[in-house]
Amino acid sequence: MNKTLALLAFMAATTFVAFSVRPAGAADTKIDPVKKDACIKACNDCLRACRECLVTCDCPNCEKHCLTCLETCRACVALMEYEAPLSGAMCGLCAKACENCAAECLKCGDMPCCKKCAEACHRCMATCKAMAD
C-alpha cells in the first residue's frame, strides 16, 4: 500500500475519533476509569509510533503489521471512549495486533523507528490485555 495513502487514511480515521462522542442514553459500564485512560493513552501512543514506522521503514511485512496495528488501536480507542459493549473484545484483538506488530518490527534489525514501535506495541498490548474480556 502506498505510504501516503495509508497516512491519509489514518488522518481521516483519527479525525472521526476526535469528533466521536458518547451516544445519548448510553449505559454506564463497570470499566475502571484509570485502566481505561491508561489503555487509551497507550493505544494513542502506539498508533503514533506505528504511523511513524509506516512512513520511515521500508520493510513490506513491517508495513502491513504497522497498518493493522494502527487501525486496530484507532478502533479500540473509539470504542473505549464511549464504553461500547464490545470494547473489551476489541481490546483483546488490539493486544494481538500489537503483539504481531512488535514481533515483526523487532525482525527489522537496528532501525530506530522499529524499536520505538515495538516498545509502544508492548506497552499497548499490556494495557489492552488488562481491559480485554
N, C-alpha and C. Protein backbone atom coordinates (compact mmCIF):
# COMPACT_ATOMS: atom_id res chain seq x y z
N MET A 1 0.85 -1.17 0.00
CA MET A 1 0.00 0.00 0.00
C MET A 1 0.90 1.24 0.00
N ASN A 2 0.51 2.20 -0.72
CA ASN A 2 1.24 3.45 -0.78
C ASN A 2 1.24 4.10 0.60
N LYS A 3 2.41 4.49 1.07
CA LYS A 3 2.53 5.07 2.41
C LYS A 3 1.75 6.37 2.54
N THR A 4 1.67 7.15 1.48
CA THR A 4 0.90 8.39 1.52
C THR A 4 -0.57 8.09 1.71
N LEU A 5 -1.08 7.09 0.98
CA LEU A 5 -2.49 6.72 1.14
C LEU A 5 -2.76 6.19 2.54
N ALA A 6 -1.84 5.41 3.07
CA ALA A 6 -2.00 4.88 4.42
C ALA A 6 -2.04 6.01 5.43
N LEU A 7 -1.19 6.99 5.26
CA LEU A 7 -1.16 8.13 6.17
C LEU A 7 -2.44 8.95 6.06
N LEU A 8 -2.92 9.15 4.84
CA LEU A 8 -4.18 9.88 4.65
C LEU A 8 -5.35 9.13 5.28
N ALA A 9 -5.38 7.81 5.13
CA ALA A 9 -6.44 7.01 5.75
C ALA A 9 -6.38 7.14 7.26
N PHE A 10 -5.18 7.12 7.80
CA PHE A 10 -5.01 7.28 9.25
C PHE A 10 -5.52 8.64 9.70
N MET A 11 -5.16 9.69 8.97
CA MET A 11 -5.57 11.03 9.36
C MET A 11 -7.09 11.17 9.31
N ALA A 12 -7.72 10.60 8.30
CA ALA A 12 -9.17 10.66 8.20
C ALA A 12 -9.82 9.90 9.35
N ALA A 13 -9.27 8.75 9.69
CA ALA A 13 -9.83 7.95 10.77
C ALA A 13 -9.67 8.64 12.12
N THR A 14 -8.53 9.26 12.35
CA THR A 14 -8.33 9.93 13.63
C THR A 14 -9.18 11.17 13.74
N THR A 15 -9.51 11.80 12.63
CA THR A 15 -10.43 12.92 12.66
C THR A 15 -11.80 12.44 13.13
N PHE A 16 -12.24 11.29 12.65
CA PHE A 16 -13.51 10.72 13.10
C PHE A 16 -13.48 10.46 14.59
N VAL A 17 -12.40 9.87 15.09
CA VAL A 17 -12.27 9.56 16.51
C VAL A 17 -12.30 10.84 17.33
N ALA A 18 -11.66 11.89 16.84
CA ALA A 18 -11.59 13.14 17.58
C ALA A 18 -12.96 13.75 17.79
N PHE A 19 -13.89 13.49 16.86
CA PHE A 19 -15.21 14.08 16.97
C PHE A 19 -16.28 13.09 17.45
N SER A 20 -15.87 11.87 17.79
CA SER A 20 -16.84 10.92 18.29
C SER A 20 -17.21 11.28 19.73
N VAL A 21 -18.46 11.09 20.05
CA VAL A 21 -18.94 11.40 21.40
C VAL A 21 -19.73 10.22 21.92
N ARG A 22 -19.92 10.21 23.19
CA ARG A 22 -20.71 9.17 23.82
C ARG A 22 -22.17 9.36 23.42
N PRO A 23 -22.82 8.32 22.91
CA PRO A 23 -24.21 8.44 22.48
C PRO A 23 -25.12 8.78 23.66
N ALA A 24 -26.16 9.57 23.38
CA ALA A 24 -27.12 9.93 24.42
C ALA A 24 -27.80 8.67 24.95
N GLY A 25 -27.89 8.57 26.25
CA GLY A 25 -28.54 7.44 26.87
C GLY A 25 -27.70 6.18 26.95
N ALA A 26 -26.43 6.27 26.61
CA ALA A 26 -25.58 5.09 26.68
C ALA A 26 -25.43 4.66 28.13
N ALA A 27 -25.56 3.38 28.35
CA ALA A 27 -25.47 2.86 29.72
C ALA A 27 -24.04 2.88 30.21
N ASP A 28 -23.88 3.23 31.48
CA ASP A 28 -22.56 3.18 32.08
C ASP A 28 -22.19 1.73 32.33
N THR A 29 -20.94 1.41 32.07
CA THR A 29 -20.45 0.07 32.34
C THR A 29 -19.49 0.15 33.50
N LYS A 30 -19.07 -1.00 34.00
CA LYS A 30 -18.19 -1.03 35.16
C LYS A 30 -16.74 -1.13 34.71
N ILE A 31 -16.31 -0.16 33.93
CA ILE A 31 -14.94 -0.12 33.47
C ILE A 31 -14.15 0.77 34.41
N ASP A 32 -13.02 0.27 34.85
CA ASP A 32 -12.14 1.04 35.73
C ASP A 32 -11.62 2.24 34.93
N PRO A 33 -11.97 3.47 35.37
CA PRO A 33 -11.56 4.64 34.59
C PRO A 33 -10.05 4.83 34.51
N VAL A 34 -9.31 4.41 35.51
CA VAL A 34 -7.85 4.54 35.48
C VAL A 34 -7.27 3.60 34.43
N LYS A 35 -7.76 2.35 34.41
CA LYS A 35 -7.29 1.39 33.40
C LYS A 35 -7.68 1.84 32.00
N LYS A 36 -8.91 2.35 31.88
CA LYS A 36 -9.38 2.81 30.59
C LYS A 36 -8.53 3.96 30.07
N ASP A 37 -8.25 4.95 30.92
CA ASP A 37 -7.43 6.08 30.50
C ASP A 37 -6.02 5.65 30.12
N ALA A 38 -5.46 4.72 30.88
CA ALA A 38 -4.12 4.21 30.58
C ALA A 38 -4.12 3.47 29.24
N CYS A 39 -5.17 2.73 28.99
CA CYS A 39 -5.26 1.97 27.74
C CYS A 39 -5.43 2.91 26.55
N ILE A 40 -6.27 3.91 26.70
CA ILE A 40 -6.46 4.89 25.62
C ILE A 40 -5.15 5.60 25.32
N LYS A 41 -4.42 6.00 26.35
CA LYS A 41 -3.13 6.66 26.15
C LYS A 41 -2.14 5.74 25.45
N ALA A 42 -2.07 4.49 25.91
CA ALA A 42 -1.15 3.52 25.29
C ALA A 42 -1.52 3.26 23.83
N CYS A 43 -2.81 3.15 23.55
CA CYS A 43 -3.25 2.94 22.16
C CYS A 43 -2.90 4.14 21.28
N ASN A 44 -3.11 5.35 21.80
CA ASN A 44 -2.78 6.54 21.03
C ASN A 44 -1.26 6.64 20.80
N ASP A 45 -0.48 6.32 21.82
CA ASP A 45 0.99 6.31 21.66
C ASP A 45 1.40 5.27 20.63
N CYS A 46 0.78 4.11 20.68
CA CYS A 46 1.10 3.02 19.77
C CYS A 46 0.74 3.39 18.33
N LEU A 47 -0.42 3.96 18.12
CA LEU A 47 -0.78 4.29 16.74
C LEU A 47 0.11 5.39 16.19
N ARG A 48 0.59 6.31 17.02
CA ARG A 48 1.54 7.32 16.55
C ARG A 48 2.88 6.66 16.18
N ALA A 49 3.34 5.71 17.01
CA ALA A 49 4.60 5.02 16.71
C ALA A 49 4.46 4.18 15.43
N CYS A 50 3.32 3.53 15.26
CA CYS A 50 3.09 2.76 14.04
C CYS A 50 3.05 3.66 12.82
N ARG A 51 2.43 4.83 12.95
CA ARG A 51 2.37 5.78 11.83
C ARG A 51 3.78 6.23 11.45
N GLU A 52 4.61 6.53 12.45
CA GLU A 52 5.99 6.93 12.19
C GLU A 52 6.76 5.80 11.50
N CYS A 53 6.55 4.59 11.97
CA CYS A 53 7.22 3.43 11.38
C CYS A 53 6.75 3.22 9.93
N LEU A 54 5.48 3.41 9.68
CA LEU A 54 4.95 3.29 8.31
C LEU A 54 5.65 4.25 7.36
N VAL A 55 5.89 5.45 7.82
CA VAL A 55 6.50 6.48 6.98
C VAL A 55 8.00 6.25 6.82
N THR A 56 8.64 5.70 7.83
CA THR A 56 10.10 5.59 7.85
C THR A 56 10.64 4.26 7.35
N CYS A 57 10.00 3.16 7.70
CA CYS A 57 10.52 1.83 7.42
C CYS A 57 10.18 1.39 6.00
N ASP A 58 11.10 0.65 5.38
CA ASP A 58 10.89 0.15 4.02
C ASP A 58 10.54 -1.33 3.97
N CYS A 59 10.40 -1.97 5.11
CA CYS A 59 10.12 -3.40 5.15
C CYS A 59 8.63 -3.65 4.87
N PRO A 60 8.29 -4.38 3.81
CA PRO A 60 6.87 -4.58 3.47
C PRO A 60 6.08 -5.34 4.53
N ASN A 61 6.70 -6.31 5.20
CA ASN A 61 5.98 -7.04 6.25
C ASN A 61 5.73 -6.14 7.45
N CYS A 62 6.70 -5.33 7.78
CA CYS A 62 6.56 -4.38 8.88
C CYS A 62 5.41 -3.42 8.56
N GLU A 63 5.34 -2.97 7.33
CA GLU A 63 4.31 -2.02 6.90
C GLU A 63 2.91 -2.60 7.11
N LYS A 64 2.71 -3.85 6.71
CA LYS A 64 1.40 -4.49 6.86
C LYS A 64 1.00 -4.59 8.33
N HIS A 65 1.94 -4.99 9.17
CA HIS A 65 1.64 -5.15 10.59
C HIS A 65 1.41 -3.80 11.26
N CYS A 66 2.20 -2.80 10.89
CA CYS A 66 2.02 -1.47 11.49
C CYS A 66 0.67 -0.88 11.11
N LEU A 67 0.27 -1.03 9.86
CA LEU A 67 -1.02 -0.51 9.43
C LEU A 67 -2.16 -1.24 10.14
N THR A 68 -2.05 -2.55 10.28
CA THR A 68 -3.07 -3.32 11.00
C THR A 68 -3.14 -2.88 12.45
N CYS A 69 -1.99 -2.73 13.08
CA CYS A 69 -1.94 -2.32 14.48
C CYS A 69 -2.50 -0.91 14.66
N LEU A 70 -2.09 -0.01 13.79
CA LEU A 70 -2.57 1.37 13.84
C LEU A 70 -4.10 1.42 13.77
N GLU A 71 -4.67 0.73 12.82
CA GLU A 71 -6.12 0.75 12.65
C GLU A 71 -6.84 0.07 13.81
N THR A 72 -6.24 -0.99 14.34
CA THR A 72 -6.84 -1.68 15.48
C THR A 72 -6.81 -0.80 16.72
N CYS A 73 -5.70 -0.12 16.94
CA CYS A 73 -5.60 0.82 18.07
C CYS A 73 -6.63 1.94 17.93
N ARG A 74 -6.77 2.46 16.72
CA ARG A 74 -7.74 3.53 16.47
C ARG A 74 -9.16 3.08 16.82
N ALA A 75 -9.52 1.90 16.37
CA ALA A 75 -10.86 1.37 16.66
C ALA A 75 -11.02 1.11 18.15
N CYS A 76 -9.98 0.63 18.78
CA CYS A 76 -10.03 0.34 20.22
C CYS A 76 -10.29 1.63 21.00
N VAL A 77 -9.59 2.69 20.66
CA VAL A 77 -9.79 3.98 21.33
C VAL A 77 -11.22 4.46 21.12
N ALA A 78 -11.70 4.37 19.90
CA ALA A 78 -13.06 4.84 19.60
C ALA A 78 -14.10 4.10 20.45
N LEU A 79 -13.97 2.79 20.58
CA LEU A 79 -14.92 2.02 21.36
C LEU A 79 -14.78 2.27 22.86
N MET A 80 -13.56 2.42 23.34
CA MET A 80 -13.36 2.66 24.76
C MET A 80 -13.85 4.05 25.18
N GLU A 81 -13.71 5.03 24.30
CA GLU A 81 -14.08 6.39 24.67
C GLU A 81 -15.55 6.50 25.05
N TYR A 82 -16.41 5.75 24.41
CA TYR A 82 -17.80 5.80 24.83
C TYR A 82 -18.26 4.50 25.50
N GLU A 83 -17.28 3.71 25.93
CA GLU A 83 -17.52 2.48 26.69
C GLU A 83 -18.53 1.57 25.99
N ALA A 84 -18.25 1.31 24.73
CA ALA A 84 -19.09 0.42 23.93
C ALA A 84 -19.08 -0.98 24.52
N PRO A 85 -20.19 -1.70 24.38
CA PRO A 85 -20.24 -3.06 24.93
C PRO A 85 -19.16 -3.99 24.39
N LEU A 86 -18.67 -3.76 23.19
CA LEU A 86 -17.64 -4.61 22.60
C LEU A 86 -16.22 -4.08 22.80
N SER A 87 -16.06 -3.07 23.65
CA SER A 87 -14.72 -2.50 23.82
C SER A 87 -13.75 -3.52 24.42
N GLY A 88 -14.20 -4.37 25.32
CA GLY A 88 -13.31 -5.40 25.89
C GLY A 88 -12.84 -6.39 24.83
N ALA A 89 -13.75 -6.80 23.96
CA ALA A 89 -13.38 -7.71 22.88
C ALA A 89 -12.41 -7.03 21.92
N MET A 90 -12.64 -5.75 21.65
CA MET A 90 -11.74 -5.01 20.77
C MET A 90 -10.36 -4.87 21.40
N CYS A 91 -10.31 -4.71 22.71
CA CYS A 91 -9.02 -4.63 23.41
C CYS A 91 -8.25 -5.95 23.26
N GLY A 92 -8.95 -7.07 23.31
CA GLY A 92 -8.28 -8.36 23.10
C GLY A 92 -7.70 -8.47 21.70
N LEU A 93 -8.45 -8.03 20.71
CA LEU A 93 -7.98 -8.04 19.33
C LEU A 93 -6.80 -7.07 19.16
N CYS A 94 -6.89 -5.93 19.81
CA CYS A 94 -5.82 -4.94 19.73
C CYS A 94 -4.54 -5.49 20.35
N ALA A 95 -4.66 -6.18 21.46
CA ALA A 95 -3.48 -6.78 22.11
C ALA A 95 -2.79 -7.75 21.15
N LYS A 96 -3.57 -8.53 20.43
CA LYS A 96 -3.00 -9.48 19.47
C LYS A 96 -2.32 -8.75 18.30
N ALA A 97 -2.96 -7.70 17.79
CA ALA A 97 -2.36 -6.92 16.70
C ALA A 97 -1.05 -6.28 17.16
N CYS A 98 -1.02 -5.78 18.39
CA CYS A 98 0.20 -5.18 18.94
C CYS A 98 1.31 -6.22 19.09
N GLU A 99 0.93 -7.41 19.55
CA GLU A 99 1.90 -8.49 19.70
C GLU A 99 2.54 -8.84 18.35
N ASN A 100 1.70 -8.98 17.34
CA ASN A 100 2.19 -9.32 16.00
C ASN A 100 3.06 -8.21 15.43
N CYS A 101 2.65 -6.97 15.62
CA CYS A 101 3.40 -5.83 15.09
C CYS A 101 4.77 -5.73 15.77
N ALA A 102 4.79 -5.87 17.08
CA ALA A 102 6.05 -5.80 17.82
C ALA A 102 7.02 -6.89 17.34
N ALA A 103 6.50 -8.10 17.17
CA ALA A 103 7.35 -9.20 16.72
C ALA A 103 7.93 -8.92 15.34
N GLU A 104 7.12 -8.38 14.45
CA GLU A 104 7.60 -8.10 13.09
C GLU A 104 8.59 -6.94 13.09
N CYS A 105 8.31 -5.91 13.87
CA CYS A 105 9.22 -4.76 13.92
C CYS A 105 10.58 -5.16 14.49
N LEU A 106 10.59 -6.07 15.43
CA LEU A 106 11.86 -6.50 16.02
C LEU A 106 12.71 -7.29 15.03
N LYS A 107 12.09 -7.81 13.98
CA LYS A 107 12.83 -8.53 12.94
C LYS A 107 13.58 -7.58 12.00
N CYS A 108 13.26 -6.29 12.05
CA CYS A 108 13.85 -5.32 11.11
C CYS A 108 15.27 -4.93 11.49
N GLY A 109 15.77 -5.43 12.58
CA GLY A 109 17.15 -5.11 12.95
C GLY A 109 17.24 -3.88 13.83
N ASP A 110 18.20 -3.03 13.52
CA ASP A 110 18.51 -1.88 14.37
C ASP A 110 17.83 -0.59 13.95
N MET A 111 16.76 -0.66 13.23
CA MET A 111 16.08 0.57 12.81
C MET A 111 15.42 1.22 14.02
N PRO A 112 15.75 2.48 14.31
CA PRO A 112 15.18 3.15 15.49
C PRO A 112 13.66 3.23 15.47
N CYS A 113 13.07 3.45 14.30
CA CYS A 113 11.61 3.56 14.24
C CYS A 113 10.96 2.23 14.62
N CYS A 114 11.58 1.13 14.23
CA CYS A 114 11.02 -0.19 14.53
C CYS A 114 11.16 -0.52 16.01
N LYS A 115 12.28 -0.13 16.61
CA LYS A 115 12.46 -0.35 18.05
C LYS A 115 11.44 0.45 18.84
N LYS A 116 11.25 1.71 18.46
CA LYS A 116 10.28 2.57 19.13
C LYS A 116 8.86 2.00 18.98
N CYS A 117 8.56 1.53 17.79
CA CYS A 117 7.24 0.95 17.51
C CYS A 117 7.02 -0.30 18.35
N ALA A 118 8.00 -1.16 18.39
CA ALA A 118 7.87 -2.40 19.17
C ALA A 118 7.67 -2.10 20.66
N GLU A 119 8.38 -1.11 21.18
CA GLU A 119 8.22 -0.74 22.59
C GLU A 119 6.81 -0.21 22.85
N ALA A 120 6.31 0.64 21.96
CA ALA A 120 4.95 1.18 22.11
C ALA A 120 3.93 0.05 22.00
N CYS A 121 4.16 -0.89 21.10
CA CYS A 121 3.26 -2.03 20.93
C CYS A 121 3.21 -2.89 22.20
N HIS A 122 4.37 -3.11 22.82
CA HIS A 122 4.40 -3.91 24.05
C HIS A 122 3.62 -3.23 25.17
N ARG A 123 3.78 -1.91 25.30
CA ARG A 123 3.03 -1.18 26.34
C ARG A 123 1.53 -1.23 26.06
N CYS A 124 1.16 -1.05 24.81
CA CYS A 124 -0.25 -1.08 24.43
C CYS A 124 -0.83 -2.48 24.65
N MET A 125 -0.07 -3.48 24.28
CA MET A 125 -0.53 -4.86 24.44
C MET A 125 -0.85 -5.14 25.92
N ALA A 126 0.02 -4.68 26.82
CA ALA A 126 -0.21 -4.92 28.25
C ALA A 126 -1.47 -4.24 28.75
N THR A 127 -1.69 -3.00 28.35
CA THR A 127 -2.89 -2.30 28.83
C THR A 127 -4.15 -2.88 28.20
N CYS A 128 -4.05 -3.28 26.94
CA CYS A 128 -5.23 -3.86 26.28
C CYS A 128 -5.58 -5.21 26.89
N LYS A 129 -4.58 -6.00 27.23
CA LYS A 129 -4.86 -7.29 27.89
C LYS A 129 -5.58 -7.07 29.21
N ALA A 130 -5.22 -6.01 29.94
CA ALA A 130 -5.86 -5.71 31.21
C ALA A 130 -7.31 -5.28 31.01
N MET A 131 -7.64 -4.75 29.85
CA MET A 131 -9.01 -4.29 29.56
C MET A 131 -9.85 -5.34 28.82
N ALA A 132 -9.19 -6.36 28.29
CA ALA A 132 -9.90 -7.36 27.47
C ALA A 132 -10.88 -8.17 28.30
N ASP A 133 -11.91 -8.65 27.60
CA ASP A 133 -12.93 -9.51 28.25
C ASP A 133 -12.32 -10.79 28.72
